[in-house]
Amino acid sequence: MPKPRGDMDKLAISKAAALAAVPFAKPGSEKLAALAGGLSKSLTVKLDAADYWALRDFCTKRERETGQRVTHQEVMVMGLRERLERAA
């Protein structure tokens, strides 16, 4: 008599599907987007006072120049993306 599998049928995948999976897809690829499922992730960054005030001043200056609100998070995401693109 086979051993009961419970809900494992929903989690189990074939060996062929596992071999076809791309665990580390390049940014911008369709497989990476599918793996991420469109969900965003949250990070917390602790800044020292000098970096915080520099970020705040940058956002204020950018808001005055463009007339649009710029959040600290937007600035940090833009900077991170630029850094990762340069490293790739």
PDB file of N, CA and C in Angstrom:
ATOM      1  N   MET A   1       0.848  -1.175   0.000  1.00  0.00           N
ATOM      2  CA  MET A   1       0.000   0.000   0.000  1.00  0.00           C
ATOM      3  C   MET A   1       0.896   1.243   0.000  1.00  0.00           C
ATOM      4  N   PRO A   2       0.643   2.215  -0.922  1.00  0.00           N
ATOM      5  CA  PRO A   2       1.496   3.400  -0.978  1.00  0.00           C
ATOM      6  C   PRO A   2       1.332   4.279   0.263  1.00  0.00           C
ATOM      7  N   LYS A   3       2.410   4.911   0.606  1.00  0.00           N
ATOM      8  CA  LYS A   3       2.410   5.821   1.752  1.00  0.00           C
ATOM      9  C   LYS A   3       1.589   7.069   1.410  1.00  0.00           C
ATOM     10  N   PRO A   4       0.678   7.523   2.308  1.00  0.00           N
ATOM     11  CA  PRO A   4      -0.109   8.729   2.011  1.00  0.00           C
ATOM     12  C   PRO A   4       0.792   9.952   1.897  1.00  0.00           C
ATOM     13  N   ARG A   5       0.491  10.793   0.906  1.00  0.00           N
ATOM     14  CA  ARG A   5       1.338  11.956   0.661  1.00  0.00           C
ATOM     15  C   ARG A   5       0.737  13.244   1.200  1.00  0.00           C
ATOM     16  N   GLY A   6      -0.487  13.238   1.661  1.00  0.00           N
ATOM     17  CA  GLY A   6      -1.095  14.450   2.184  1.00  0.00           C
ATOM     18  C   GLY A   6      -1.171  15.528   1.121  1.00  0.00           C
ATOM     19  N   ASP A   7      -0.744  16.724   1.445  1.00  0.00           N
ATOM     20  CA  ASP A   7      -0.786  17.856   0.511  1.00  0.00           C
ATOM     21  C   ASP A   7       0.488  17.976  -0.319  1.00  0.00           C
ATOM     22  N   MET A   8       1.369  17.032  -0.223  1.00  0.00           N
ATOM     23  CA  MET A   8       2.639  17.130  -0.942  1.00  0.00           C
ATOM     24  C   MET A   8       2.455  17.110  -2.459  1.00  0.00           C
ATOM     25  N   ASP A   9       1.340  16.590  -2.949  1.00  0.00           N
ATOM     26  CA  ASP A   9       1.115  16.578  -4.391  1.00  0.00           C
ATOM     27  C   ASP A   9       1.127  17.991  -4.960  1.00  0.00           C
ATOM     28  N   LYS A  10       0.658  18.945  -4.182  1.00  0.00           N
ATOM     29  CA  LYS A  10       0.629  20.333  -4.646  1.00  0.00           C
ATOM     30  C   LYS A  10       2.033  20.938  -4.670  1.00  0.00           C
ATOM     31  N   LEU A  11       2.922  20.436  -3.823  1.00  0.00           N
ATOM     32  CA  LEU A  11       4.270  20.997  -3.719  1.00  0.00           C
ATOM     33  C   LEU A  11       5.290  20.262  -4.583  1.00  0.00           C
ATOM     34  N   ALA A  12       5.024  19.017  -4.906  1.00  0.00           N
ATOM     35  CA  ALA A  12       5.981  18.207  -5.654  1.00  0.00           C
ATOM     36  C   ALA A  12       6.008  18.630  -7.119  1.00  0.00           C
ATOM     37  N   ILE A  13       7.222  18.656  -7.693  1.00  0.00           N
ATOM     38  CA  ILE A  13       7.376  18.919  -9.120  1.00  0.00           C
ATOM     39  C   ILE A  13       8.215  17.805  -9.720  1.00  0.00           C
ATOM     40  N   SER A  14       8.107  17.624 -11.012  1.00  0.00           N
ATOM     41  CA  SER A  14       8.865  16.562 -11.661  1.00  0.00           C
ATOM     42  C   SER A  14      10.345  16.935 -11.723  1.00  0.00           C
ATOM     43  N   LYS A  15      11.183  15.922 -11.902  1.00  0.00           N
ATOM     44  CA  LYS A  15      12.621  16.172 -12.016  1.00  0.00           C
ATOM     45  C   LYS A  15      12.927  17.025 -13.248  1.00  0.00           C
ATOM     46  N   ALA A  16      12.190  16.808 -14.314  1.00  0.00           N
ATOM     47  CA  ALA A  16      12.400  17.589 -15.542  1.00  0.00           C
ATOM     48  C   ALA A  16      12.102  19.065 -15.287  1.00  0.00           C
ATOM     49  N   ALA A  17      11.016  19.346 -14.556  1.00  0.00           N
ATOM     50  CA  ALA A  17      10.665  20.733 -14.246  1.00  0.00           C
ATOM     51  C   ALA A  17      11.718  21.358 -13.341  1.00  0.00           C
ATOM     52  N   ALA A  18      12.241  20.572 -12.403  1.00  0.00           N
ATOM     53  CA  ALA A  18      13.270  21.087 -11.498  1.00  0.00           C
ATOM     54  C   ALA A  18      14.556  21.405 -12.264  1.00  0.00           C
ATOM     55  N   LEU A  19      14.913  20.558 -13.223  1.00  0.00           N
ATOM     56  CA  LEU A  19      16.122  20.803 -14.013  1.00  0.00           C
ATOM     57  C   LEU A  19      15.959  22.002 -14.942  1.00  0.00           C
ATOM     58  N   ALA A  20      14.729  22.270 -15.380  1.00  0.00           N
ATOM     59  CA  ALA A  20      14.474  23.388 -16.287  1.00  0.00           C
ATOM     60  C   ALA A  20      14.379  24.717 -15.552  1.00  0.00           C
ATOM     61  N   ALA A  21      14.232  24.666 -14.240  1.00  0.00           N
ATOM     62  CA  ALA A  21      14.095  25.903 -13.459  1.00  0.00           C
ATOM     63  C   ALA A  21      15.401  26.687 -13.483  1.00  0.00           C
ATOM     64  N   VAL A  22      15.290  28.014 -13.502  1.00  0.00           N
ATOM     65  CA  VAL A  22      16.460  28.885 -13.482  1.00  0.00           C
ATOM     66  C   VAL A  22      16.485  29.590 -12.128  1.00  0.00           C
ATOM     67  N   PRO A  23      17.296  29.121 -11.182  1.00  0.00           N
ATOM     68  CA  PRO A  23      17.270  29.715  -9.851  1.00  0.00           C
ATOM     69  C   PRO A  23      17.831  31.131  -9.803  1.00  0.00           C
ATOM     70  N   PHE A  24      18.771  31.457 -10.672  1.00  0.00           N
ATOM     71  CA  PHE A  24      19.383  32.777 -10.648  1.00  0.00           C
ATOM     72  C   PHE A  24      19.271  33.419 -12.025  1.00  0.00           C
ATOM     73  N   ALA A  25      18.077  33.870 -12.352  1.00  0.00           N
ATOM     74  CA  ALA A  25      17.837  34.506 -13.648  1.00  0.00           C
ATOM     75  C   ALA A  25      18.404  35.918 -13.631  1.00  0.00           C
ATOM     76  N   LYS A  26      18.779  36.419 -14.794  1.00  0.00           N
ATOM     77  CA  LYS A  26      19.316  37.774 -14.895  1.00  0.00           C
ATOM     78  C   LYS A  26      18.197  38.802 -14.731  1.00  0.00           C
ATOM     79  N   PRO A  27      18.509  39.968 -14.144  1.00  0.00           N
ATOM     80  CA  PRO A  27      17.491  41.002 -13.974  1.00  0.00           C
ATOM     81  C   PRO A  27      16.853  41.372 -15.307  1.00  0.00           C
ATOM     82  N   GLY A  28      15.539  41.585 -15.261  1.00  0.00           N
ATOM     83  CA  GLY A  28      14.819  41.956 -16.456  1.00  0.00           C
ATOM     84  C   GLY A  28      14.304  40.764 -17.233  1.00  0.00           C
ATOM     85  N   SER A  29      14.662  39.550 -16.810  1.00  0.00           N
ATOM     86  CA  SER A  29      14.199  38.388 -17.554  1.00  0.00           C
ATOM     87  C   SER A  29      12.781  38.026 -17.138  1.00  0.00           C
ATOM     88  N   GLU A  30      12.090  37.353 -18.042  1.00  0.00           N
ATOM     89  CA  GLU A  30      10.714  36.941 -17.766  1.00  0.00           C
ATOM     90  C   GLU A  30      10.664  35.926 -16.645  1.00  0.00           C
ATOM     91  N   LYS A  31      11.674  35.053 -16.577  1.00  0.00           N
ATOM     92  CA  LYS A  31      11.676  34.035 -15.519  1.00  0.00           C
ATOM     93  C   LYS A  31      11.839  34.682 -14.152  1.00  0.00           C
ATOM     94  N   LEU A  32      12.664  35.718 -14.049  1.00  0.00           N
ATOM     95  CA  LEU A  32      12.835  36.402 -12.775  1.00  0.00           C
ATOM     96  C   LEU A  32      11.530  37.064 -12.351  1.00  0.00           C
ATOM     97  N   ALA A  33      10.844  37.691 -13.292  1.00  0.00           N
ATOM     98  CA  ALA A  33       9.565  38.325 -12.980  1.00  0.00           C
ATOM     99  C   ALA A  33       8.552  37.288 -12.522  1.00  0.00           C
ATOM    100  N   ALA A  34       8.565  36.124 -13.171  1.00  0.00           N
ATOM    101  CA  ALA A  34       7.633  35.061 -12.782  1.00  0.00           C
ATOM    102  C   ALA A  34       7.970  34.529 -11.396  1.00  0.00           C
ATOM    103  N   LEU A  35       9.272  34.390 -11.108  1.00  0.00           N
ATOM    104  CA  LEU A  35       9.674  33.898  -9.790  1.00  0.00           C
ATOM    105  C   LEU A  35       9.303  34.889  -8.698  1.00  0.00           C
ATOM    106  N   ALA A  36       9.492  36.151  -8.968  1.00  0.00           N
ATOM    107  CA  ALA A  36       9.190  37.179  -7.969  1.00  0.00           C
ATOM    108  C   ALA A  36       7.688  37.332  -7.790  1.00  0.00           C
ATOM    109  N   GLY A  37       6.924  36.981  -8.796  1.00  0.00           N
ATOM    110  CA  GLY A  37       5.484  37.063  -8.696  1.00  0.00           C
ATOM    111  C   GLY A  37       4.980  38.489  -8.595  1.00  0.00           C
ATOM    112  N   GLY A  38       5.803  39.454  -8.954  1.00  0.00           N
ATOM    113  CA  GLY A  38       5.380  40.844  -8.924  1.00  0.00           C
ATOM    114  C   GLY A  38       5.300  41.426  -7.520  1.00  0.00           C
ATOM    115  N   LEU A  39       5.714  40.675  -6.528  1.00  0.00           N
ATOM    116  CA  LEU A  39       5.651  41.165  -5.156  1.00  0.00           C
ATOM    117  C   LEU A  39       6.900  41.982  -4.838  1.00  0.00           C
ATOM    118  N   SER A  40       6.716  43.053  -4.107  1.00  0.00           N
ATOM    119  CA  SER A  40       7.872  43.847  -3.705  1.00  0.00           C
ATOM    120  C   SER A  40       8.339  43.380  -2.329  1.00  0.00           C
ATOM    121  N   LYS A  41       9.565  43.639  -2.042  1.00  0.00           N
ATOM    122  CA  LYS A  41      10.166  43.279  -0.760  1.00  0.00           C
ATOM    123  C   LYS A  41      10.520  44.550  -0.010  1.00  0.00           C
ATOM    124  N   SER A  42      10.516  44.491   1.294  1.00  0.00           N
ATOM    125  CA  SER A  42      10.826  45.659   2.118  1.00  0.00           C
ATOM    126  C   SER A  42      12.205  45.515   2.740  1.00  0.00           C
ATOM    127  N   LEU A  43      12.894  46.639   2.830  1.00  0.00           N
ATOM    128  CA  LEU A  43      14.191  46.691   3.499  1.00  0.00           C
ATOM    129  C   LEU A  43      14.192  47.871   4.464  1.00  0.00           C
ATOM    130  N   THR A  44      14.947  47.737   5.520  1.00  0.00           N
ATOM    131  CA  THR A  44      15.134  48.840   6.454  1.00  0.00           C
ATOM    132  C   THR A  44      16.598  49.228   6.396  1.00  0.00           C
ATOM    133  N   VAL A  45      16.859  50.507   6.252  1.00  0.00           N
ATOM    134  CA  VAL A  45      18.231  50.991   6.167  1.00  0.00           C
ATOM    135  C   VAL A  45      18.469  51.964   7.310  1.00  0.00           C
ATOM    136  N   LYS A  46      19.514  51.729   8.045  1.00  0.00           N
ATOM    137  CA  LYS A  46      19.872  52.655   9.117  1.00  0.00           C
ATOM    138  C   LYS A  46      20.994  53.547   8.613  1.00  0.00           C
ATOM    139  N   LEU A  47      20.772  54.851   8.674  1.00  0.00           N
ATOM    140  CA  LEU A  47      21.753  55.828   8.209  1.00  0.00           C
ATOM    141  C   LEU A  47      22.286  56.606   9.398  1.00  0.00           C
ATOM    142  N   ASP A  48      23.544  56.997   9.292  1.00  0.00           N
ATOM    143  CA  ASP A  48      24.025  57.907  10.331  1.00  0.00           C
ATOM    144  C   ASP A  48      23.467  59.297  10.027  1.00  0.00           C
ATOM    145  N   ALA A  49      23.608  60.199  10.952  1.00  0.00           N
ATOM    146  CA  ALA A  49      22.978  61.515  10.839  1.00  0.00           C
ATOM    147  C   ALA A  49      23.425  62.263   9.583  1.00  0.00           C
ATOM    148  N   ALA A  50      24.719  62.203   9.271  1.00  0.00           N
ATOM    149  CA  ALA A  50      25.233  62.938   8.110  1.00  0.00           C
ATOM    150  C   ALA A  50      24.608  62.420   6.815  1.00  0.00           C
ATOM    151  N   ASP A  51      24.504  61.094   6.668  1.00  0.00           N
ATOM    152  CA  ASP A  51      23.901  60.529   5.463  1.00  0.00           C
ATOM    153  C   ASP A  51      22.412  60.849   5.390  1.00  0.00           C
ATOM    154  N   TYR A  52      21.723  60.814   6.526  1.00  0.00           N
ATOM    155  CA  TYR A  52      20.294  61.140   6.544  1.00  0.00           C
ATOM    156  C   TYR A  52      20.062  62.570   6.080  1.00  0.00           C
ATOM    157  N   TRP A  53      20.841  63.509   6.609  1.00  0.00           N
ATOM    158  CA  TRP A  53      20.638  64.916   6.237  1.00  0.00           C
ATOM    159  C   TRP A  53      21.032  65.161   4.789  1.00  0.00           C
ATOM    160  N   ALA A  54      22.043  64.449   4.300  1.00  0.00           N
ATOM    161  CA  ALA A  54      22.417  64.572   2.883  1.00  0.00           C
ATOM    162  C   ALA A  54      21.287  64.061   1.995  1.00  0.00           C
ATOM    163  N   LEU A  55      20.666  62.954   2.380  1.00  0.00           N
ATOM    164  CA  LEU A  55      19.534  62.416   1.629  1.00  0.00           C
ATOM    165  C   LEU A  55      18.361  63.380   1.664  1.00  0.00           C
ATOM    166  N   ARG A  56      18.090  63.909   2.822  1.00  0.00           N
ATOM    167  CA  ARG A  56      16.981  64.864   2.975  1.00  0.00           C
ATOM    168  C   ARG A  56      17.216  66.118   2.116  1.00  0.00           C
ATOM    169  N   ASP A  57      18.440  66.639   2.158  1.00  0.00           N
ATOM    170  CA  ASP A  57      18.779  67.813   1.351  1.00  0.00           C
ATOM    171  C   ASP A  57      18.660  67.514  -0.145  1.00  0.00           C
ATOM    172  N   PHE A  58      19.105  66.322  -0.555  1.00  0.00           N
ATOM    173  CA  PHE A  58      19.011  65.920  -1.954  1.00  0.00           C
ATOM    174  C   PHE A  58      17.554  65.896  -2.414  1.00  0.00           C
ATOM    175  N   CYS A  59      16.680  65.297  -1.592  1.00  0.00           N
ATOM    176  CA  CYS A  59      15.255  65.218  -1.946  1.00  0.00           C
ATOM    177  C   CYS A  59      14.630  66.605  -2.043  1.00  0.00           C
ATOM    178  N   THR A  60      14.956  67.459  -1.097  1.00  0.00           N
ATOM    179  CA  THR A  60      14.417  68.820  -1.098  1.00  0.00           C
ATOM    180  C   THR A  60      14.869  69.574  -2.346  1.00  0.00           C
ATOM    181  N   LYS A  61      16.158  69.452  -2.681  1.00  0.00           N
ATOM    182  CA  LYS A  61      16.690  70.127  -3.865  1.00  0.00           C
ATOM    183  C   LYS A  61      16.023  69.604  -5.131  1.00  0.00           C
ATOM    184  N   ARG A  62      15.867  68.286  -5.234  1.00  0.00           N
ATOM    185  CA  ARG A  62      15.241  67.678  -6.405  1.00  0.00           C
ATOM    186  C   ARG A  62      13.780  68.111  -6.532  1.00  0.00           C
ATOM    187  N   GLU A  63      13.080  68.232  -5.397  1.00  0.00           N
ATOM    188  CA  GLU A  63      11.683  68.681  -5.414  1.00  0.00           C
ATOM    189  C   GLU A  63      11.575  70.116  -5.916  1.00  0.00           C
ATOM    190  N   ARG A  64      12.503  70.959  -5.487  1.00  0.00           N
ATOM    191  CA  ARG A  64      12.489  72.357  -5.942  1.00  0.00           C
ATOM    192  C   ARG A  64      12.782  72.454  -7.429  1.00  0.00           C
ATOM    193  N   GLU A  65      13.701  71.620  -7.922  1.00  0.00           N
ATOM    194  CA  GLU A  65      14.081  71.658  -9.336  1.00  0.00           C
ATOM    195  C   GLU A  65      12.980  71.127 -10.247  1.00  0.00           C
ATOM    196  N   THR A  66      12.324  70.058  -9.830  1.00  0.00           N
ATOM    197  CA  THR A  66      11.347  69.399 -10.697  1.00  0.00           C
ATOM    198  C   THR A  66       9.900  69.792 -10.393  1.00  0.00           C
ATOM    199  N   GLY A  67       9.659  70.282  -9.186  1.00  0.00           N
ATOM    200  CA  GLY A  67       8.294  70.600  -8.791  1.00  0.00           C
ATOM    201  C   GLY A  67       7.482  69.383  -8.415  1.00  0.00           C
ATOM    202  N   GLN A  68       8.138  68.222  -8.331  1.00  0.00           N
ATOM    203  CA  GLN A  68       7.463  66.990  -7.946  1.00  0.00           C
ATOM    204  C   GLN A  68       8.081  66.437  -6.674  1.00  0.00           C
ATOM    205  N   ARG A  69       7.223  65.816  -5.861  1.00  0.00           N
ATOM    206  CA  ARG A  69       7.693  65.240  -4.606  1.00  0.00           C
ATOM    207  C   ARG A  69       8.610  64.060  -4.885  1.00  0.00           C
ATOM    208  N   VAL A  70       9.703  63.987  -4.176  1.00  0.00           N
ATOM    209  CA  VAL A  70      10.650  62.883  -4.293  1.00  0.00           C
ATOM    210  C   VAL A  70      10.830  62.291  -2.898  1.00  0.00           C
ATOM    211  N   THR A  71      10.548  61.001  -2.764  1.00  0.00           N
ATOM    212  CA  THR A  71      10.677  60.363  -1.457  1.00  0.00           C
ATOM    213  C   THR A  71      12.091  59.826  -1.260  1.00  0.00           C
ATOM    214  N   HIS A  72      12.437  59.641  -0.009  1.00  0.00           N
ATOM    215  CA  HIS A  72      13.742  59.056   0.315  1.00  0.00           C
ATOM    216  C   HIS A  72      13.846  57.661  -0.305  1.00  0.00           C
ATOM    217  N   GLN A  73      12.759  56.907  -0.257  1.00  0.00           N
ATOM    218  CA  GLN A  73      12.765  55.561  -0.792  1.00  0.00           C
ATOM    219  C   GLN A  73      13.036  55.572  -2.299  1.00  0.00           C
ATOM    220  N   GLU A  74      12.421  56.484  -3.024  1.00  0.00           N
ATOM    221  CA  GLU A  74      12.648  56.570  -4.474  1.00  0.00           C
ATOM    222  C   GLU A  74      14.122  56.844  -4.776  1.00  0.00           C
ATOM    223  N   VAL A  75      14.722  57.736  -4.025  1.00  0.00           N
ATOM    224  CA  VAL A  75      16.132  58.075  -4.237  1.00  0.00           C
ATOM    225  C   VAL A  75      17.009  56.861  -3.949  1.00  0.00           C
ATOM    226  N   MET A  76      16.735  56.160  -2.863  1.00  0.00           N
ATOM    227  CA  MET A  76      17.559  55.006  -2.513  1.00  0.00           C
ATOM    228  C   MET A  76      17.392  53.874  -3.522  1.00  0.00           C
ATOM    229  N   VAL A  77      16.176  53.656  -4.026  1.00  0.00           N
ATOM    230  CA  VAL A  77      15.952  52.611  -5.029  1.00  0.00           C
ATOM    231  C   VAL A  77      16.675  52.972  -6.326  1.00  0.00           C
ATOM    232  N   MET A  78      16.593  54.243  -6.743  1.00  0.00           N
ATOM    233  CA  MET A  78      17.303  54.670  -7.963  1.00  0.00           C
ATOM    234  C   MET A  78      18.805  54.448  -7.802  1.00  0.00           C
ATOM    235  N   GLY A  79      19.350  54.828  -6.663  1.00  0.00           N
ATOM    236  CA  GLY A  79      20.779  54.653  -6.424  1.00  0.00           C
ATOM    237  C   GLY A  79      21.183  53.194  -6.413  1.00  0.00           C
ATOM    238  N   LEU A  80      20.372  52.356  -5.796  1.00  0.00           N
ATOM    239  CA  LEU A  80      20.673  50.932  -5.750  1.00  0.00           C
ATOM    240  C   LEU A  80      20.634  50.323  -7.142  1.00  0.00           C
ATOM    241  N   ARG A  81      19.615  50.677  -7.925  1.00  0.00           N
ATOM    242  CA  ARG A  81      19.520  50.150  -9.296  1.00  0.00           C
ATOM    243  C   ARG A  81      20.723  50.555 -10.135  1.00  0.00           C
ATOM    244  N   GLU A  82      21.125  51.820 -10.034  1.00  0.00           N
ATOM    245  CA  GLU A  82      22.287  52.293 -10.801  1.00  0.00           C
ATOM    246  C   GLU A  82      23.542  51.523 -10.396  1.00  0.00           C
ATOM    247  N   ARG A  83      23.703  51.295  -9.112  1.00  0.00           N
ATOM    248  CA  ARG A  83      24.879  50.582  -8.616  1.00  0.00           C
ATOM    249  C   ARG A  83      24.883  49.141  -9.097  1.00  0.00           C
ATOM    250  N   LEU A  84      23.731  48.481  -9.050  1.00  0.00           N
ATOM    251  CA  LEU A  84      23.647  47.096  -9.496  1.00  0.00           C
ATOM    252  C   LEU A  84      23.862  46.986 -11.006  1.00  0.00           C
ATOM    253  N   GLU A  85      23.373  47.938 -11.769  1.00  0.00           N
ATOM    254  CA  GLU A  85      23.587  47.923 -13.223  1.00  0.00           C
ATOM    255  C   GLU A  85      25.058  48.094 -13.562  1.00  0.00           C
ATOM    256  N   ARG A  86      25.753  48.955 -12.816  1.00  0.00           N
ATOM    257  CA  ARG A  86      27.191  49.156 -13.059  1.00  0.00           C
ATOM    258  C   ARG A  86      27.975  47.890 -12.719  1.00  0.00           C
ATOM    259  N   ALA A  87      27.524  47.179 -11.685  1.00  0.00           N
ATOM    260  CA  ALA A  87      28.237  45.970 -11.245  1.00  0.00           C
ATOM    261  C   ALA A  87      27.975  44.780 -12.168  1.00  0.00           C
ATOM    262  N   ALA A  88      26.879  44.825 -12.917  1.00  0.00           N
ATOM    263  CA  ALA A  88      26.513  43.677 -13.775  1.00  0.00           C
ATOM    264  C   ALA A  88      27.363  43.581 -15.016  1.00  0.00           C
TER     265      ALA A  88
END
